[in-house]
Amino acid sequence: MLFKTFLFLAAVRSAYAECKCTPANDCWPSQTDWHSLNNTLRGKLIANQPIARPCFQGVGYDAKRCARPAPVYTINATSADDIAAGIKFAKDNNLRLVIKNTGHDVVGRSQGYGSLSIWIKHVKDGIHFHKEYTSSTQCKSSWAGSALTVGGGYVWEDVYAKAAENSVIAVGGSDKSVGVIGGYLQGGGHGMVSRDFGLATDQVLEYTVILASGEIVTASECQHQDLFMALRGGGGGTYGIVVSATIKVYPTRPVLMHTLSIVPVENKLSTFQDAIGDILSRYPNLSDEGFSGNGFLQKNVYQHTFSKLLDDNNTHSDVESGKNIMNKQIINHLSALNGTKLHVLSTFKYFPNWHAFFQGSGSHISDTGTSAVLPSRFFDKRSLISQQEKLKNLIRIFFNTRASETKPRNALLELCLVGGGKVLQPAPLTSVNPAWRKTYLLMELVETWYENDISRESVLSAATHQKLKAMKDITPGMGTYLNEADRNDPDYKHDCDNWEELTGGTVYGPLCKTN
């Protein structure tokens, strides 16, 4: 999802003033320096406009902050030379450097007070299909299947179209507007077929990377292995600037889709919430039988779109088996309530290939422009199976309206059944949070507030200290996905990266904490 994430610029300014030059310091480059950089870039330097929130009249208005942008300048890069020039300028002038690919970042890591931003959306060197992958550096690879090389700032919609032309499946985002080679791929990456093939970062065969020195290298399983491992799960824009990636792809297959919609009759919320708790407890069984996808829960609406890749050689039998599994695990348990306490709509649909399913299963693009916080948590099998009462109580904690609230809130719980299967199998030379390898469900609570709402701070506090805590209480030893995390999580070092498990507590990777 794309949300406006507002940084607390004053706190960030104070934190970075000691180590990086800011616009408030005498060391800040002169207009002549910036003009010289712009000449080097052949006119590709952009003077940014300020982030909008402090400019609204009312609570939070601050004229000085309104006039002060976060990234001060952006390089609209179109080539590796542009990127190298930006790196050199930031290094020579001790500036904070942030990397913006394309798509979105729900925790705002492509922003930052007093920074120079390098925007690589327009570095586009094509998407190239390789029927049989061979390394660009003659590395002896363990992968002999097909691959795609994605060069620059493409989104998954572009990659899926190229994959469809060649009858293959790429592991990418459920939202087609997500950028490919940035934080998504480098931070882990989950989607509708990650259960079948592994996380998106598990698919990477090689990266082309521009280092802080300006040198361009290829990182793979047999050269620059430390960099390759770090970029496969350690976070985007941290170890270098990735300008292309080559990823595994798989032969396309038919798909069985199941959609489910549930609403309470006459606002019978207690029965509705109990039913959803029962459904969540059966999610691991669905995953183990081949289903994956995304569900959404609001106060009085549950919906999911799940899919199952089918066997090409036994499609009819596989379809019937899939229907029987879904009916046994979910639908039959709802039948006694349908029409009396709940309205239940269950449908199945067959698609001849994965791309046809993707195009026929919704818009796959999220709304924009919401101010939100995103508490999230990994759920393993033991956190779900036979945990109906705990799950029901969790739902009530999420959606109970506080007496102090005068306006209804549009809280949304995203239920990403994207783990299980191949995600549970650790891939060599990856640095994702080890908790991913136990995860079936990624649960994300999207809490929103109104601009200039005096209850904003109470919404943030409740999201972190009540609702996220409630998730943690029933998921001991787990963590969360660093790309979709609550930036106010007090346990962010453990929850977002779990590098203690990888390194014995000696170092931490790129954390979801952004300020």
Protein backbone atom coordinates (compact mmCIF):
# COMPACT_ATOMS: atom_id res chain seq x y z
CA MET A 1 0.00 0.00 0.00
CA LEU A 2 1.04 3.58 -0.56
CA PHE A 3 0.58 5.88 2.39
CA LYS A 4 1.88 9.36 3.18
CA THR A 5 4.33 8.73 5.98
CA PHE A 6 5.15 11.89 7.86
CA LEU A 7 8.54 12.07 9.56
CA PHE A 8 9.10 13.96 12.75
CA LEU A 9 11.57 16.31 11.11
CA ALA A 10 12.65 18.22 14.17
CA ALA A 11 13.77 15.07 15.97
CA VAL A 12 15.43 13.75 12.84
CA ARG A 13 17.22 17.05 12.30
CA SER A 14 18.67 16.93 15.81
CA ALA A 15 19.76 13.31 15.44
CA TYR A 16 21.58 13.84 12.16
CA ALA A 17 23.09 17.27 12.81
CA GLU A 18 25.96 15.69 14.71
CA CYS A 19 27.05 13.29 11.97
CA LYS A 20 25.85 14.69 8.63
CA CYS A 21 25.83 18.18 7.25
CA THR A 22 22.35 19.75 7.18
CA PRO A 23 20.92 22.93 5.65
CA ALA A 24 21.27 24.57 9.08
CA ASN A 25 25.06 24.06 9.14
CA ASP A 26 27.83 26.22 7.69
CA CYS A 27 29.18 23.13 5.91
CA TRP A 28 26.10 22.94 3.68
CA PRO A 29 27.07 23.16 -0.01
CA SER A 30 26.72 26.57 -1.60
CA GLN A 31 24.37 27.33 -4.48
CA THR A 32 27.45 27.33 -6.68
CA ASP A 33 28.22 23.76 -5.57
CA TRP A 34 24.66 22.62 -6.34
CA HIS A 35 24.78 24.41 -9.68
CA SER A 36 28.01 22.61 -10.52
CA LEU A 37 26.42 19.24 -9.65
CA ASN A 38 23.44 20.09 -11.84
CA ASN A 39 25.81 20.80 -14.74
CA THR A 40 27.53 17.45 -14.19
CA LEU A 41 24.10 15.80 -14.27
CA ARG A 42 23.08 17.68 -17.43
CA GLY A 43 20.16 19.39 -15.69
CA LYS A 44 18.80 16.40 -13.72
CA LEU A 45 18.96 17.97 -10.25
CA ILE A 46 15.54 18.81 -8.79
CA ALA A 47 14.94 21.28 -5.93
CA ASN A 48 12.27 19.55 -3.81
CA GLN A 49 9.07 20.96 -2.43
CA PRO A 50 8.43 20.55 1.34
CA ILE A 51 6.40 17.71 2.83
CA ALA A 52 2.85 19.01 3.20
CA ARG A 53 1.71 18.17 6.73
CA PRO A 54 3.17 21.18 8.63
CA CYS A 55 1.62 23.45 6.00
CA PHE A 56 -2.00 22.63 6.95
CA GLN A 57 -3.70 25.17 9.19
CA GLY A 58 -4.66 23.70 12.58
CA VAL A 59 -2.96 21.19 14.87
CA GLY A 60 0.57 20.49 13.63
CA TYR A 61 0.92 23.68 11.59
CA ASP A 62 4.48 25.00 11.64
CA ALA A 63 5.49 27.70 9.18
CA LYS A 64 9.21 27.04 9.56
CA ARG A 65 8.85 23.30 9.03
CA CYS A 66 6.50 23.97 6.12
CA ALA A 67 9.28 25.89 4.39
CA ARG A 68 11.92 23.24 5.08
CA PRO A 69 11.89 20.17 2.78
CA ALA A 70 13.11 16.75 3.96
CA PRO A 71 15.21 15.63 0.99
CA VAL A 72 16.46 19.01 -0.17
CA TYR A 73 17.48 17.93 -3.67
CA THR A 74 16.71 14.92 -5.83
CA ILE A 75 18.78 13.56 -8.70
CA ASN A 76 16.44 12.33 -11.42
CA ALA A 77 18.92 9.69 -12.54
CA THR A 78 18.74 8.03 -15.94
CA SER A 79 22.13 6.29 -15.97
CA ALA A 80 24.75 4.74 -13.71
CA ASP A 81 26.92 7.83 -14.27
CA ASP A 82 24.21 10.02 -12.72
CA ILE A 83 24.07 7.75 -9.69
CA ALA A 84 27.85 7.72 -9.30
CA ALA A 85 27.94 11.53 -9.48
CA GLY A 86 25.35 11.76 -6.72
CA ILE A 87 27.24 9.34 -4.50
CA LYS A 88 30.45 11.28 -4.96
CA PHE A 89 28.81 14.64 -4.20
CA ALA A 90 27.18 13.29 -1.02
CA LYS A 91 30.46 11.72 0.09
CA ASP A 92 32.55 14.82 -0.63
CA ASN A 93 30.12 17.08 1.25
CA ASN A 94 29.20 14.70 4.10
CA LEU A 95 25.51 14.69 3.17
CA ARG A 96 22.86 12.18 4.10
CA LEU A 97 22.03 10.14 1.00
CA VAL A 98 18.71 8.36 0.45
CA ILE A 99 17.70 6.14 -2.45
CA LYS A 100 14.25 6.26 -4.02
CA ASN A 101 13.42 3.55 -6.53
CA THR A 102 9.74 3.64 -7.54
CA GLY A 103 6.47 2.26 -6.21
CA HIS A 104 6.16 3.00 -2.50
CA ASP A 105 7.66 2.63 0.96
CA VAL A 106 5.13 2.52 3.80
CA VAL A 107 7.72 3.40 6.45
CA GLY A 108 9.17 6.40 4.62
CA ARG A 109 12.80 5.31 4.29
CA SER A 110 13.23 7.15 1.00
CA GLN A 111 12.80 10.43 2.88
CA GLY A 112 15.10 12.07 5.42
CA TYR A 113 15.81 15.56 6.69
CA GLY A 114 18.57 17.43 4.87
CA SER A 115 19.25 14.62 2.43
CA LEU A 116 20.21 14.29 -1.20
CA SER A 117 17.90 11.77 -2.84
CA ILE A 118 18.81 9.69 -5.88
CA TRP A 119 15.69 8.71 -7.79
CA ILE A 120 16.21 5.77 -10.12
CA LYS A 121 12.68 5.34 -11.48
CA HIS A 122 13.88 6.47 -14.91
CA VAL A 123 16.94 4.23 -15.07
CA LYS A 124 15.34 1.71 -17.38
CA ASP A 125 17.59 -0.74 -19.18
CA GLY A 126 14.87 -3.19 -20.15
CA ILE A 127 13.43 -6.47 -18.89
CA HIS A 128 15.17 -9.40 -20.55
CA PHE A 129 14.04 -13.04 -20.61
CA HIS A 130 16.59 -15.88 -20.48
CA LYS A 131 15.12 -19.26 -21.39
CA GLU A 132 18.11 -20.96 -19.75
CA TYR A 133 19.98 -18.84 -17.23
CA THR A 134 23.73 -18.50 -17.46
CA SER A 135 25.66 -16.13 -15.23
CA SER A 136 26.79 -12.84 -16.74
CA THR A 137 30.17 -13.40 -15.07
CA GLN A 138 30.54 -17.11 -15.93
CA CYS A 139 29.72 -18.04 -12.35
CA LYS A 140 28.75 -21.70 -12.03
CA SER A 141 25.17 -21.31 -10.86
CA SER A 142 23.00 -23.84 -9.08
CA TRP A 143 20.02 -22.64 -11.17
CA ALA A 144 19.51 -23.98 -14.68
CA GLY A 145 15.94 -22.78 -15.27
CA SER A 146 14.61 -19.62 -16.85
CA ALA A 147 15.25 -16.10 -15.56
CA LEU A 148 14.41 -12.43 -16.05
CA THR A 149 16.88 -9.55 -15.77
CA VAL A 150 15.16 -6.37 -14.58
CA GLY A 151 17.27 -3.31 -15.33
CA GLY A 152 16.19 -0.23 -13.40
CA GLY A 153 13.04 1.36 -12.05
CA TYR A 154 10.29 -1.01 -13.16
CA VAL A 155 7.22 -2.04 -11.18
CA TRP A 156 5.83 -5.56 -10.92
CA GLU A 157 3.11 -4.88 -13.48
CA ASP A 158 5.89 -4.48 -16.06
CA VAL A 159 7.60 -7.70 -15.01
CA TYR A 160 4.37 -9.71 -14.94
CA ALA A 161 3.62 -8.63 -18.50
CA LYS A 162 7.06 -9.77 -19.68
CA ALA A 163 6.69 -13.04 -17.78
CA ALA A 164 3.30 -13.66 -19.41
CA GLU A 165 4.82 -13.20 -22.87
CA ASN A 166 7.15 -16.09 -22.07
CA SER A 167 4.65 -18.29 -20.16
CA VAL A 168 6.45 -18.02 -16.83
CA ILE A 169 5.66 -16.86 -13.29
CA ALA A 170 7.75 -14.31 -11.38
CA VAL A 171 7.57 -14.04 -7.59
CA GLY A 172 6.53 -10.44 -6.96
CA GLY A 173 4.15 -8.11 -5.16
CA SER A 174 0.40 -8.51 -4.85
CA ASP A 175 0.18 -4.78 -5.61
CA LYS A 176 1.28 -4.31 -9.21
CA SER A 177 2.58 -0.80 -8.51
CA VAL A 178 5.33 -2.03 -6.16
CA GLY A 179 8.87 -1.32 -7.36
CA VAL A 180 10.94 -4.38 -8.24
CA ILE A 181 14.63 -3.93 -7.46
CA GLY A 182 14.41 -1.58 -4.48
CA GLY A 183 13.27 -2.23 -0.93
CA TYR A 184 10.79 -4.93 -1.96
CA LEU A 185 13.31 -7.29 -3.52
CA GLN A 186 16.17 -6.37 -1.20
CA GLY A 187 14.04 -6.51 1.95
CA GLY A 188 12.47 -9.94 1.42
CA GLY A 189 9.40 -9.57 -0.77
CA HIS A 190 6.18 -11.55 -0.34
CA GLY A 191 3.28 -12.11 -2.71
CA MET A 192 0.68 -14.49 -4.04
CA VAL A 193 3.14 -17.22 -5.10
CA SER A 194 5.79 -16.87 -2.38
CA ARG A 195 4.23 -19.89 -0.68
CA ASP A 196 4.93 -21.93 -3.84
CA PHE A 197 8.44 -20.71 -4.70
CA GLY A 198 9.86 -18.82 -1.71
CA LEU A 199 10.31 -15.16 -0.92
CA ALA A 200 11.10 -12.80 -3.79
CA THR A 201 14.63 -12.24 -2.50
CA ASP A 202 15.20 -16.02 -2.55
CA GLN A 203 14.81 -15.82 -6.35
CA VAL A 204 17.67 -13.38 -6.96
CA LEU A 205 20.54 -14.90 -8.97
CA GLU A 206 22.67 -11.77 -9.29
CA TYR A 207 22.62 -8.04 -8.66
CA THR A 208 24.37 -5.21 -10.47
CA VAL A 209 25.35 -2.76 -7.73
CA ILE A 210 26.96 0.67 -7.56
CA LEU A 211 29.05 0.87 -4.38
CA ALA A 212 29.77 3.92 -2.25
CA SER A 213 33.11 4.18 -4.08
CA GLY A 214 31.26 4.54 -7.41
CA GLU A 215 32.52 1.11 -8.55
CA ILE A 216 30.00 -1.12 -10.37
CA VAL A 217 30.09 -4.78 -9.35
CA THR A 218 28.06 -7.94 -9.93
CA ALA A 219 27.13 -9.75 -6.73
CA SER A 220 26.15 -13.41 -6.97
CA GLU A 221 26.53 -16.75 -5.21
CA CYS A 222 30.17 -17.02 -6.31
CA GLN A 223 31.48 -13.45 -6.21
CA HIS A 224 30.97 -10.63 -3.72
CA GLN A 225 29.07 -13.20 -1.67
CA ASP A 226 28.87 -11.01 1.43
CA LEU A 227 27.23 -8.21 -0.57
CA PHE A 228 24.96 -10.71 -2.34
CA MET A 229 23.78 -12.09 1.00
CA ALA A 230 23.23 -8.62 2.48
CA LEU A 231 21.16 -7.50 -0.50
CA ARG A 232 18.99 -10.62 -0.33
CA GLY A 233 16.89 -9.55 2.65
CA GLY A 234 18.98 -6.94 4.46
CA GLY A 235 17.05 -3.93 3.18
CA GLY A 236 17.05 -1.52 0.27
CA GLY A 237 19.42 1.42 -0.19
CA THR A 238 21.76 0.22 2.55
CA TYR A 239 24.77 -1.62 1.09
CA GLY A 240 24.84 -0.13 -2.39
CA ILE A 241 22.53 1.08 -5.14
CA VAL A 242 21.09 -1.81 -7.11
CA VAL A 243 20.55 -0.95 -10.78
CA SER A 244 19.55 -4.40 -12.03
CA ALA A 245 18.65 -7.85 -10.74
CA THR A 246 18.31 -11.25 -12.37
CA ILE A 247 15.60 -13.44 -10.84
CA LYS A 248 14.36 -16.99 -11.23
CA VAL A 249 11.06 -17.58 -13.02
CA TYR A 250 8.91 -20.71 -13.25
CA PRO A 251 6.64 -22.31 -15.90
CA THR A 252 3.10 -20.96 -15.63
CA ARG A 253 0.30 -23.19 -14.34
CA PRO A 254 -3.50 -23.16 -14.09
CA VAL A 255 -5.00 -21.53 -11.00
CA LEU A 256 -8.04 -22.18 -8.81
CA MET A 257 -9.24 -18.96 -7.15
CA HIS A 258 -11.51 -18.82 -4.11
CA THR A 259 -13.19 -15.61 -2.97
CA LEU A 260 -15.06 -15.31 0.30
CA SER A 261 -17.10 -12.43 1.70
CA ILE A 262 -18.71 -12.40 5.16
CA VAL A 263 -20.79 -9.70 6.85
CA PRO A 264 -22.87 -9.94 10.02
CA VAL A 265 -26.68 -9.99 9.95
CA GLU A 266 -28.16 -7.00 11.83
CA ASN A 267 -24.72 -5.99 13.09
CA LYS A 268 -24.22 -9.17 15.16
CA LEU A 269 -20.52 -8.37 15.66
CA SER A 270 -19.81 -10.94 18.37
CA THR A 271 -20.82 -13.87 16.15
CA PHE A 272 -19.00 -12.31 13.21
CA GLN A 273 -15.75 -11.86 15.17
CA ASP A 274 -15.97 -15.41 16.53
CA ALA A 275 -16.34 -16.74 12.98
CA ILE A 276 -13.28 -14.81 11.79
CA GLY A 277 -11.21 -16.14 14.70
CA ASP A 278 -12.17 -19.67 13.65
CA ILE A 279 -11.18 -18.97 10.04
CA LEU A 280 -7.77 -17.58 11.03
CA SER A 281 -7.04 -20.68 13.09
CA ARG A 282 -7.40 -22.75 9.92
CA TYR A 283 -5.13 -20.62 7.74
CA PRO A 284 -2.10 -22.96 8.19
CA ASN A 285 -4.19 -25.93 7.02
CA LEU A 286 -5.14 -24.03 3.86
CA SER A 287 -1.51 -23.11 3.24
CA ASP A 288 -0.32 -26.67 3.75
CA GLU A 289 -2.86 -27.73 1.10
CA GLY A 290 -1.56 -25.20 -1.43
CA PHE A 291 -3.67 -22.06 -0.89
CA SER A 292 -2.23 -18.58 -0.46
CA GLY A 293 -3.33 -15.00 -0.92
CA ASN A 294 -4.68 -12.00 0.94
CA GLY A 295 -7.59 -11.37 3.26
CA PHE A 296 -8.97 -8.10 4.61
CA LEU A 297 -10.94 -7.52 7.78
CA GLN A 298 -12.77 -4.39 8.84
CA LYS A 299 -15.11 -4.01 11.77
CA ASN A 300 -18.00 -5.73 10.00
CA VAL A 301 -16.60 -7.09 6.71
CA TYR A 302 -14.27 -10.01 5.96
CA GLN A 303 -13.03 -10.75 2.44
CA HIS A 304 -10.31 -12.91 0.99
CA THR A 305 -8.98 -13.87 -2.40
CA PHE A 306 -6.97 -17.08 -2.18
CA SER A 307 -5.47 -19.09 -5.00
CA LYS A 308 -3.99 -22.54 -5.55
CA LEU A 309 -1.59 -23.42 -8.36
CA LEU A 310 -2.82 -26.57 -10.09
CA ASP A 311 -1.17 -29.59 -11.63
CA ASP A 312 -0.98 -29.13 -15.40
CA ASN A 313 -1.42 -32.85 -16.00
CA ASN A 314 -4.35 -33.46 -13.66
CA THR A 315 -6.22 -30.17 -13.61
CA HIS A 316 -9.81 -31.44 -13.17
CA SER A 317 -8.91 -33.64 -10.21
CA ASP A 318 -6.83 -30.86 -8.69
CA VAL A 319 -9.73 -28.38 -8.99
CA GLU A 320 -12.12 -30.73 -7.22
CA SER A 321 -9.56 -31.44 -4.53
CA GLY A 322 -9.01 -27.73 -3.96
CA LYS A 323 -12.74 -27.07 -3.65
CA ASN A 324 -13.14 -29.92 -1.18
CA ILE A 325 -10.27 -28.62 0.96
CA MET A 326 -11.70 -25.09 1.12
CA ASN A 327 -15.20 -26.33 1.86
CA LYS A 328 -13.99 -28.68 4.59
CA GLN A 329 -11.72 -26.14 6.28
CA ILE A 330 -13.84 -22.98 5.99
CA ILE A 331 -17.19 -23.01 4.22
CA ASN A 332 -18.86 -25.98 5.94
CA HIS A 333 -18.21 -24.39 9.34
CA LEU A 334 -20.10 -21.28 8.25
CA SER A 335 -23.12 -22.97 6.67
CA ALA A 336 -25.19 -23.16 9.89
CA LEU A 337 -24.79 -19.39 10.39
CA ASN A 338 -25.40 -18.33 6.80
CA GLY A 339 -28.63 -16.37 6.44
CA THR A 340 -29.33 -16.21 10.15
CA LYS A 341 -26.32 -14.55 11.81
CA LEU A 342 -23.99 -14.06 8.85
CA HIS A 343 -24.21 -13.40 5.13
CA VAL A 344 -21.65 -15.65 3.43
CA LEU A 345 -20.70 -15.56 -0.25
CA SER A 346 -18.22 -18.19 -1.45
CA THR A 347 -17.13 -18.55 -5.09
CA PHE A 348 -14.58 -20.58 -7.04
CA LYS A 349 -13.14 -19.71 -10.43
CA TYR A 350 -10.68 -21.51 -12.72
CA PHE A 351 -7.97 -19.72 -14.74
CA PRO A 352 -5.85 -21.40 -17.44
CA ASN A 353 -2.61 -19.69 -16.33
CA TRP A 354 -1.25 -17.48 -13.55
CA HIS A 355 -1.29 -14.21 -15.49
CA ALA A 356 -4.96 -14.69 -16.38
CA PHE A 357 -5.65 -15.15 -12.67
CA PHE A 358 -3.71 -12.01 -11.76
CA GLN A 359 -5.60 -9.92 -14.30
CA GLY A 360 -8.96 -11.41 -13.31
CA SER A 361 -8.69 -11.18 -9.54
CA GLY A 362 -8.98 -7.46 -8.85
CA SER A 363 -7.20 -4.19 -9.57
CA HIS A 364 -4.07 -5.05 -7.51
CA ILE A 365 -3.35 -1.40 -6.81
CA SER A 366 -3.88 0.32 -3.47
CA ASP A 367 -5.46 3.64 -2.63
CA THR A 368 -3.12 6.51 -1.87
CA GLY A 369 -3.03 9.54 0.33
CA THR A 370 -3.78 8.07 3.77
CA SER A 371 -1.99 9.00 6.99
CA ALA A 372 -1.41 5.68 8.70
CA VAL A 373 0.61 3.58 11.09
CA LEU A 374 1.22 -0.11 10.38
CA PRO A 375 1.65 -2.46 13.36
CA SER A 376 2.41 -5.90 11.93
CA ARG A 377 3.47 -9.35 13.09
CA PHE A 378 4.48 -12.78 11.81
CA PHE A 379 2.23 -15.68 12.90
CA ASP A 380 3.63 -19.20 12.88
CA LYS A 381 1.54 -22.38 12.94
CA ARG A 382 1.43 -22.63 16.74
CA SER A 383 0.12 -19.05 16.94
CA LEU A 384 -2.89 -19.99 14.79
CA ILE A 385 -3.82 -23.66 15.03
CA SER A 386 -6.30 -24.25 17.91
CA GLN A 387 -5.90 -20.65 19.09
CA GLN A 388 -9.46 -19.57 18.33
CA GLU A 389 -10.14 -17.85 21.65
CA LYS A 390 -6.92 -15.84 21.56
CA LEU A 391 -7.57 -14.85 17.95
CA LYS A 392 -11.15 -13.79 18.71
CA ASN A 393 -9.93 -11.65 21.60
CA LEU A 394 -7.26 -10.14 19.35
CA ILE A 395 -9.91 -9.09 16.82
CA ARG A 396 -11.97 -7.45 19.55
CA ILE A 397 -8.93 -5.49 20.73
CA PHE A 398 -8.34 -4.28 17.17
CA PHE A 399 -11.87 -3.07 16.45
CA ASN A 400 -13.35 -1.93 19.76
CA THR A 401 -14.08 1.80 19.49
CA ARG A 402 -12.87 3.90 22.37
CA ALA A 403 -15.50 5.99 24.14
CA SER A 404 -13.36 9.10 23.60
CA GLU A 405 -13.56 8.84 19.83
CA THR A 406 -16.09 11.12 18.15
CA LYS A 407 -15.48 9.88 14.60
CA PRO A 408 -15.46 6.30 13.33
CA ARG A 409 -12.05 5.04 12.22
CA ASN A 410 -11.37 3.00 9.12
CA ALA A 411 -9.00 0.49 10.67
CA LEU A 412 -8.15 -2.31 8.25
CA LEU A 413 -6.55 -5.63 9.11
CA GLU A 414 -4.58 -7.14 6.23
CA LEU A 415 -4.23 -10.90 6.44
CA CYS A 416 -1.38 -11.94 4.18
CA LEU A 417 -1.37 -15.73 3.87
CA VAL A 418 1.95 -15.58 2.05
CA GLY A 419 4.15 -17.86 4.16
CA GLY A 420 4.25 -21.59 4.58
CA GLY A 421 5.44 -23.87 1.81
CA LYS A 422 8.78 -22.84 0.28
CA VAL A 423 9.01 -19.77 2.54
CA LEU A 424 9.69 -22.15 5.42
CA GLN A 425 12.79 -23.49 3.67
CA PRO A 426 15.87 -21.32 4.36
CA ALA A 427 17.65 -20.30 1.17
CA PRO A 428 21.46 -20.06 1.22
CA LEU A 429 23.05 -16.59 1.16
CA THR A 430 19.97 -14.71 2.34
CA SER A 431 19.68 -12.31 5.28
CA VAL A 432 15.92 -12.06 5.85
CA ASN A 433 14.56 -12.10 9.36
CA PRO A 434 14.85 -15.78 10.40
CA ALA A 435 11.28 -15.61 11.71
CA TRP A 436 10.16 -15.62 8.05
CA ARG A 437 11.18 -19.30 7.99
CA LYS A 438 8.47 -20.11 10.53
CA THR A 439 5.79 -17.77 9.22
CA TYR A 440 2.44 -18.65 7.68
CA LEU A 441 0.53 -15.39 8.14
CA LEU A 442 1.73 -11.79 8.09
CA MET A 443 -0.89 -9.74 9.93
CA GLU A 444 -0.87 -5.97 9.34
CA LEU A 445 -3.18 -3.52 11.08
CA VAL A 446 -3.58 -0.29 9.14
CA GLU A 447 -4.63 2.47 11.54
CA THR A 448 -5.60 5.81 10.03
CA TRP A 449 -6.44 9.23 11.42
CA TYR A 450 -7.83 12.49 10.17
CA GLU A 451 -5.56 15.40 9.31
CA ASN A 452 -5.36 17.87 12.21
CA ASP A 453 -7.09 15.31 14.45
CA ILE A 454 -6.27 15.98 18.10
CA SER A 455 -6.52 12.23 18.81
CA ARG A 456 -3.66 11.38 16.44
CA GLU A 457 -1.19 10.74 19.25
CA SER A 458 -3.65 8.47 21.06
CA VAL A 459 -4.18 6.48 17.84
CA LEU A 460 -0.42 6.01 17.46
CA SER A 461 0.02 5.05 21.09
CA ALA A 462 -2.82 2.52 21.04
CA ALA A 463 -1.56 1.02 17.78
CA THR A 464 1.89 0.35 19.24
CA HIS A 465 1.34 -0.24 22.93
CA GLN A 466 -2.02 -2.02 22.87
CA LYS A 467 -2.68 -3.57 19.48
CA LEU A 468 0.86 -4.50 18.45
CA LYS A 469 1.48 -5.73 21.98
CA ALA A 470 -1.61 -7.93 21.72
CA MET A 471 -0.17 -9.48 18.54
CA LYS A 472 3.16 -10.07 20.26
CA ASP A 473 1.51 -11.74 23.24
CA ILE A 474 0.24 -14.63 21.11
CA THR A 475 3.31 -14.90 18.84
CA PRO A 476 6.25 -15.46 21.22
CA GLY A 477 9.65 -15.57 19.55
CA MET A 478 8.40 -14.21 16.23
CA GLY A 479 8.98 -10.79 14.66
CA THR A 480 7.83 -8.77 11.67
CA TYR A 481 8.64 -7.79 8.11
CA LEU A 482 11.02 -4.83 8.00
CA ASN A 483 9.30 -3.37 4.91
CA GLU A 484 5.89 -3.23 6.59
CA ALA A 485 6.43 -2.45 10.25
CA ASP A 486 5.44 -0.03 12.99
CA ARG A 487 8.23 2.56 13.07
CA ASN A 488 7.40 3.21 16.75
CA ASP A 489 7.91 -0.41 17.82
CA PRO A 490 10.05 -0.26 20.99
CA ASP A 491 11.48 -3.70 20.20
CA TYR A 492 12.37 -2.87 16.61
CA LYS A 493 15.92 -4.26 16.80
CA HIS A 494 14.60 -7.72 17.53
CA ASP A 495 11.24 -7.64 15.79
CA CYS A 496 12.33 -6.24 12.44
CA ASP A 497 15.57 -8.10 11.82
CA ASN A 498 16.27 -10.75 14.46
CA TRP A 499 19.97 -10.38 13.63
CA GLU A 500 20.77 -11.70 17.09
CA GLU A 501 19.90 -15.13 15.74
CA LEU A 502 22.10 -14.66 12.68
CA THR A 503 25.08 -13.04 14.36
CA GLY A 504 24.98 -13.97 18.02
CA GLY A 505 23.95 -10.42 18.93
CA THR A 506 27.13 -8.76 17.68
CA VAL A 507 25.70 -6.66 14.85
CA TYR A 508 22.37 -5.45 13.55
CA GLY A 509 21.20 -5.15 10.02
CA PRO A 510 19.15 -2.27 8.56
CA LEU A 511 16.34 -1.75 11.02
CA CYS A 512 12.76 -0.69 10.39
CA LYS A 513 13.40 2.28 12.70
CA THR A 514 13.69 5.30 10.41
CA ASN A 515 14.30 8.18 12.78
